[in-house]
Amino acid sequence: MRLVDNIHLVGGGAWGGMGLSPGPDCNVYLVDCGSELVLIDCGSGAAGSVDAILANIVADGLSPDRIGTILLTHKHGDHVGGAAQFAERTGAVLRASAETAAVLATADEDAASIGAAKQAGLYAKDFVLAPVGSVQTLAGGEHFGIGDVDFEVIETPGHCSGHLSFVVRRGE
């Protein structure tokens, strides 16, 4: 679903009110940077989640093969559960805070709140967070460009430690 010229909402489970993807998915955004696509968060990785998000990207007229970077806002399962699947299927570089990178490297389901989500029935009991060994770390105050878009990294630790937000500015 195109929100503005170069930003699409491509995932979001029923809990977020969007119903674009199954399971306990956060809202997942895609930024068209011209030269490549940037995915912001990966959803839960629960059954059908990654396939639905990829199908939504195609439905918006974009190719998942163009995803070169995945930015992760924080370590919670509804945001990072699909990270290993997306990295494998797209070959994209993952970027996150050092804390989120550590959670993914160790596949720490308790730190990702997946253990509690399983107990609450939000995840299947047999779901396993797959480890991701290669995550480039980001910190507040950083700026980086991809294609014709500038990304500013802002530390926003109110929801959880290691939480990042991204300001997206299109080049002039």
C-alpha atoms as a PDB file:
ATOM      1  CA  MET A   1       0.000   0.000   0.000  1.00  0.00           C
ATOM      2  CA  ARG A   2       1.656   3.211  -1.174  1.00  0.00           C
ATOM      3  CA  LEU A   3       1.567   5.823   1.583  1.00  0.00           C
ATOM      4  CA  VAL A   4       3.524   8.580  -0.165  1.00  0.00           C
ATOM      5  CA  ASP A   5       5.544   8.734  -3.359  1.00  0.00           C
ATOM      6  CA  ASN A   6       8.388   6.452  -2.226  1.00  0.00           C
ATOM      7  CA  ILE A   7       7.129   4.832   1.010  1.00  0.00           C
ATOM      8  CA  HIS A   8       4.903   1.752   1.130  1.00  0.00           C
ATOM      9  CA  LEU A   9       3.257  -0.143   3.974  1.00  0.00           C
ATOM     10  CA  VAL A  10       3.860  -3.781   3.031  1.00  0.00           C
ATOM     11  CA  GLY A  11       3.104  -5.676   6.224  1.00  0.00           C
ATOM     12  CA  GLY A  12       1.157  -5.456   9.429  1.00  0.00           C
ATOM     13  CA  GLY A  13      -0.744  -8.105  11.330  1.00  0.00           C
ATOM     14  CA  ALA A  14      -4.308  -8.007  12.539  1.00  0.00           C
ATOM     15  CA  TRP A  15      -3.215  -6.587  15.909  1.00  0.00           C
ATOM     16  CA  GLY A  16      -2.070  -3.399  14.206  1.00  0.00           C
ATOM     17  CA  GLY A  17      -5.403  -3.135  12.438  1.00  0.00           C
ATOM     18  CA  MET A  18      -3.969  -3.505   8.940  1.00  0.00           C
ATOM     19  CA  GLY A  19      -4.258  -7.247   8.310  1.00  0.00           C
ATOM     20  CA  LEU A  20      -1.671  -7.061   5.514  1.00  0.00           C
ATOM     21  CA  SER A  21       0.249 -10.059   6.829  1.00  0.00           C
ATOM     22  CA  PRO A  22      -0.536 -12.908   9.210  1.00  0.00           C
ATOM     23  CA  GLY A  23       0.679 -13.428  12.712  1.00  0.00           C
ATOM     24  CA  PRO A  24       1.806 -10.836  15.216  1.00  0.00           C
ATOM     25  CA  ASP A  25       3.527  -8.647  12.619  1.00  0.00           C
ATOM     26  CA  CYS A  26       4.445  -5.048  13.291  1.00  0.00           C
ATOM     27  CA  ASN A  27       3.852  -2.545  10.515  1.00  0.00           C
ATOM     28  CA  VAL A  28       6.547  -3.162   7.899  1.00  0.00           C
ATOM     29  CA  TYR A  29       7.583  -0.324   5.582  1.00  0.00           C
ATOM     30  CA  LEU A  30       9.418  -0.250   2.280  1.00  0.00           C
ATOM     31  CA  VAL A  31      11.310   2.815   1.054  1.00  0.00           C
ATOM     32  CA  ASP A  32      12.019   3.126  -2.669  1.00  0.00           C
ATOM     33  CA  CYS A  33      15.412   4.823  -2.835  1.00  0.00           C
ATOM     34  CA  GLY A  34      15.634   4.718  -6.623  1.00  0.00           C
ATOM     35  CA  SER A  35      18.690   2.502  -6.861  1.00  0.00           C
ATOM     36  CA  GLU A  36      17.415  -0.015  -4.298  1.00  0.00           C
ATOM     37  CA  LEU A  37      14.614  -0.740  -1.851  1.00  0.00           C
ATOM     38  CA  VAL A  38      15.001  -0.513   1.925  1.00  0.00           C
ATOM     39  CA  LEU A  39      12.781  -2.616   4.181  1.00  0.00           C
ATOM     40  CA  ILE A  40      12.127  -1.232   7.655  1.00  0.00           C
ATOM     41  CA  ASP A  41      11.469  -4.130  10.034  1.00  0.00           C
ATOM     42  CA  CYS A  42      10.716  -7.712   9.005  1.00  0.00           C
ATOM     43  CA  GLY A  43       7.578  -8.781  10.791  1.00  0.00           C
ATOM     44  CA  SER A  44       7.309 -11.786  13.072  1.00  0.00           C
ATOM     45  CA  GLY A  45       8.556 -14.519  10.791  1.00  0.00           C
ATOM     46  CA  ALA A  46       5.502 -16.551  11.806  1.00  0.00           C
ATOM     47  CA  ALA A  47       3.972 -18.945   9.263  1.00  0.00           C
ATOM     48  CA  GLY A  48       3.087 -17.060   6.074  1.00  0.00           C
ATOM     49  CA  SER A  49       4.364 -13.676   7.269  1.00  0.00           C
ATOM     50  CA  VAL A  50       7.406 -13.314   5.014  1.00  0.00           C
ATOM     51  CA  ASP A  51       5.540 -14.654   1.970  1.00  0.00           C
ATOM     52  CA  ALA A  52       2.679 -12.183   2.537  1.00  0.00           C
ATOM     53  CA  ILE A  53       5.051  -9.228   2.884  1.00  0.00           C
ATOM     54  CA  LEU A  54       6.899 -10.221  -0.295  1.00  0.00           C
ATOM     55  CA  ALA A  55       3.560 -10.608  -2.124  1.00  0.00           C
ATOM     56  CA  ASN A  56       2.518  -7.120  -0.974  1.00  0.00           C
ATOM     57  CA  ILE A  57       5.754  -5.692  -2.364  1.00  0.00           C
ATOM     58  CA  VAL A  58       5.042  -7.320  -5.732  1.00  0.00           C
ATOM     59  CA  ALA A  59       1.415  -6.127  -5.608  1.00  0.00           C
ATOM     60  CA  ASP A  60       2.728  -2.560  -5.248  1.00  0.00           C
ATOM     61  CA  GLY A  61       4.644  -3.039  -8.514  1.00  0.00           C
ATOM     62  CA  LEU A  62       8.077  -3.429  -6.928  1.00  0.00           C
ATOM     63  CA  SER A  63      10.566  -6.296  -7.076  1.00  0.00           C
ATOM     64  CA  PRO A  64      11.786  -7.886  -3.828  1.00  0.00           C
ATOM     65  CA  ASP A  65      15.060  -8.539  -5.680  1.00  0.00           C
ATOM     66  CA  ARG A  66      15.768  -4.806  -5.292  1.00  0.00           C
ATOM     67  CA  ILE A  67      15.792  -4.989  -1.465  1.00  0.00           C
ATOM     68  CA  GLY A  68      19.408  -4.258  -0.586  1.00  0.00           C
ATOM     69  CA  THR A  69      19.097  -3.065   3.004  1.00  0.00           C
ATOM     70  CA  ILE A  70      16.917  -4.016   5.955  1.00  0.00           C
ATOM     71  CA  LEU A  71      16.728  -1.586   8.871  1.00  0.00           C
ATOM     72  CA  LEU A  72      15.510  -2.973  12.181  1.00  0.00           C
ATOM     73  CA  THR A  73      14.007  -0.588  14.717  1.00  0.00           C
ATOM     74  CA  HIS A  74      14.369  -2.863  17.753  1.00  0.00           C
ATOM     75  CA  LYS A  75      14.771  -6.384  19.118  1.00  0.00           C
ATOM     76  CA  HIS A  76      11.142  -7.454  19.653  1.00  0.00           C
ATOM     77  CA  GLY A  77      10.029 -10.528  17.745  1.00  0.00           C
ATOM     78  CA  ASP A  78       7.253  -8.818  15.792  1.00  0.00           C
ATOM     79  CA  HIS A  79       9.976  -6.620  14.240  1.00  0.00           C
ATOM     80  CA  VAL A  80      12.913  -9.054  13.881  1.00  0.00           C
ATOM     81  CA  GLY A  81      11.378 -12.528  13.745  1.00  0.00           C
ATOM     82  CA  GLY A  82      11.566 -12.581   9.946  1.00  0.00           C
ATOM     83  CA  ALA A  83      15.102 -11.155   9.714  1.00  0.00           C
ATOM     84  CA  ALA A  84      16.909 -14.421   8.914  1.00  0.00           C
ATOM     85  CA  GLN A  85      14.299 -15.372   6.306  1.00  0.00           C
ATOM     86  CA  PHE A  86      14.453 -11.968   4.602  1.00  0.00           C
ATOM     87  CA  ALA A  87      18.262 -11.918   4.654  1.00  0.00           C
ATOM     88  CA  GLU A  88      18.368 -15.370   3.083  1.00  0.00           C
ATOM     89  CA  ARG A  89      15.708 -14.676   0.466  1.00  0.00           C
ATOM     90  CA  THR A  90      16.882 -11.206  -0.594  1.00  0.00           C
ATOM     91  CA  GLY A  91      20.608 -11.147   0.216  1.00  0.00           C
ATOM     92  CA  ALA A  92      20.032  -7.767   1.868  1.00  0.00           C
ATOM     93  CA  VAL A  93      22.337  -6.236   4.457  1.00  0.00           C
ATOM     94  CA  LEU A  94      20.754  -6.000   7.912  1.00  0.00           C
ATOM     95  CA  ARG A  95      21.398  -2.912  10.036  1.00  0.00           C
ATOM     96  CA  ALA A  96      20.305  -2.351  13.647  1.00  0.00           C
ATOM     97  CA  SER A  97      21.452  -1.164  17.051  1.00  0.00           C
ATOM     98  CA  ALA A  98      24.215  -3.119  18.745  1.00  0.00           C
ATOM     99  CA  GLU A  99      21.688  -4.521  21.225  1.00  0.00           C
ATOM    100  CA  THR A 100      19.362  -5.771  18.481  1.00  0.00           C
ATOM    101  CA  ALA A 101      22.314  -7.231  16.586  1.00  0.00           C
ATOM    102  CA  ALA A 102      23.354  -9.159  19.719  1.00  0.00           C
ATOM    103  CA  VAL A 103      19.834 -10.558  20.179  1.00  0.00           C
ATOM    104  CA  LEU A 104      19.811 -11.735  16.560  1.00  0.00           C
ATOM    105  CA  ALA A 105      23.322 -13.221  16.746  1.00  0.00           C
ATOM    106  CA  THR A 106      22.338 -15.354  19.735  1.00  0.00           C
ATOM    107  CA  ALA A 107      18.684 -15.899  18.671  1.00  0.00           C
ATOM    108  CA  ASP A 108      17.714 -14.925  22.226  1.00  0.00           C
ATOM    109  CA  GLU A 109      13.954 -15.478  22.208  1.00  0.00           C
ATOM    110  CA  ASP A 110      13.525 -14.153  25.744  1.00  0.00           C
ATOM    111  CA  ALA A 111      15.303 -10.869  24.939  1.00  0.00           C
ATOM    112  CA  ALA A 112      13.145 -10.616  21.796  1.00  0.00           C
ATOM    113  CA  SER A 113      10.011 -11.151  23.938  1.00  0.00           C
ATOM    114  CA  ILE A 114       9.156 -14.222  21.859  1.00  0.00           C
ATOM    115  CA  GLY A 115       9.119 -16.519  24.895  1.00  0.00           C
ATOM    116  CA  ALA A 116       6.412 -14.385  26.496  1.00  0.00           C
ATOM    117  CA  ALA A 117       4.563 -14.128  23.174  1.00  0.00           C
ATOM    118  CA  LYS A 118       4.525 -17.933  22.891  1.00  0.00           C
ATOM    119  CA  GLN A 119       3.042 -18.192  26.390  1.00  0.00           C
ATOM    120  CA  ALA A 120       0.372 -15.656  25.402  1.00  0.00           C
ATOM    121  CA  GLY A 121      -0.484 -17.643  22.266  1.00  0.00           C
ATOM    122  CA  LEU A 122       0.789 -15.011  19.832  1.00  0.00           C
ATOM    123  CA  TYR A 123       3.459 -17.330  18.395  1.00  0.00           C
ATOM    124  CA  ALA A 124       3.212 -21.044  17.705  1.00  0.00           C
ATOM    125  CA  LYS A 125       4.964 -23.055  20.430  1.00  0.00           C
ATOM    126  CA  ASP A 126       7.294 -24.562  17.786  1.00  0.00           C
ATOM    127  CA  PHE A 127       8.426 -21.179  16.368  1.00  0.00           C
ATOM    128  CA  VAL A 128      12.195 -20.778  16.549  1.00  0.00           C
ATOM    129  CA  LEU A 129      13.976 -17.442  16.147  1.00  0.00           C
ATOM    130  CA  ALA A 130      16.722 -18.096  13.615  1.00  0.00           C
ATOM    131  CA  PRO A 131      20.107 -16.546  14.366  1.00  0.00           C
ATOM    132  CA  VAL A 132      21.564 -13.883  12.112  1.00  0.00           C
ATOM    133  CA  GLY A 133      25.322 -13.540  12.367  1.00  0.00           C
ATOM    134  CA  SER A 134      25.921 -10.547  10.169  1.00  0.00           C
ATOM    135  CA  VAL A 135      24.184  -7.348  11.258  1.00  0.00           C
ATOM    136  CA  GLN A 136      25.838  -3.970  10.750  1.00  0.00           C
ATOM    137  CA  THR A 137      25.379  -1.770  13.799  1.00  0.00           C
ATOM    138  CA  LEU A 138      23.922   1.711  13.837  1.00  0.00           C
ATOM    139  CA  ALA A 139      23.885   4.410  16.507  1.00  0.00           C
ATOM    140  CA  GLY A 140      21.960   7.610  17.062  1.00  0.00           C
ATOM    141  CA  GLY A 141      23.203  10.621  15.149  1.00  0.00           C
ATOM    142  CA  GLU A 142      24.400   8.649  12.140  1.00  0.00           C
ATOM    143  CA  HIS A 143      23.360   9.633   8.621  1.00  0.00           C
ATOM    144  CA  PHE A 144      23.721   7.467   5.562  1.00  0.00           C
ATOM    145  CA  GLY A 145      22.500   7.705   2.016  1.00  0.00           C
ATOM    146  CA  ILE A 146      20.990   5.030  -0.172  1.00  0.00           C
ATOM    147  CA  GLY A 147      20.153   6.083  -3.697  1.00  0.00           C
ATOM    148  CA  ASP A 148      18.347   9.421  -3.525  1.00  0.00           C
ATOM    149  CA  VAL A 149      17.317   9.046   0.130  1.00  0.00           C
ATOM    150  CA  ASP A 150      19.095  10.194   3.301  1.00  0.00           C
ATOM    151  CA  PHE A 151      18.459   8.225   6.498  1.00  0.00           C
ATOM    152  CA  GLU A 152      19.032   9.764   9.913  1.00  0.00           C
ATOM    153  CA  VAL A 153      19.288   7.391  12.872  1.00  0.00           C
ATOM    154  CA  ILE A 154      17.679   8.530  16.125  1.00  0.00           C
ATOM    155  CA  GLU A 155      17.914   6.613  19.403  1.00  0.00           C
ATOM    156  CA  THR A 156      14.401   6.263  20.845  1.00  0.00           C
ATOM    157  CA  PRO A 157      14.763   4.029  23.931  1.00  0.00           C
ATOM    158  CA  GLY A 158      11.306   4.604  25.438  1.00  0.00           C
ATOM    159  CA  HIS A 159       9.731   1.381  24.120  1.00  0.00           C
ATOM    160  CA  CYS A 160      12.799  -0.762  24.822  1.00  0.00           C
ATOM    161  CA  SER A 161      16.530  -0.347  25.084  1.00  0.00           C
ATOM    162  CA  GLY A 162      18.381  -0.351  21.785  1.00  0.00           C
ATOM    163  CA  HIS A 163      15.377   1.107  19.944  1.00  0.00           C
ATOM    164  CA  LEU A 164      16.076   3.211  16.849  1.00  0.00           C
ATOM    165  CA  SER A 165      13.888   5.368  14.653  1.00  0.00           C
ATOM    166  CA  PHE A 166      14.726   6.560  11.165  1.00  0.00           C
ATOM    167  CA  VAL A 167      14.050   9.930   9.580  1.00  0.00           C
ATOM    168  CA  VAL A 168      13.763   9.467   5.831  1.00  0.00           C
ATOM    169  CA  ARG A 169      14.495  12.439   3.578  1.00  0.00           C
ATOM    170  CA  ARG A 170      14.405  12.369  -0.176  1.00  0.00           C
ATOM    171  CA  GLY A 171      17.244  14.181  -1.933  1.00  0.00           C
ATOM    172  CA  GLU A 172      16.530  17.537  -3.486  1.00  0.00           C
END
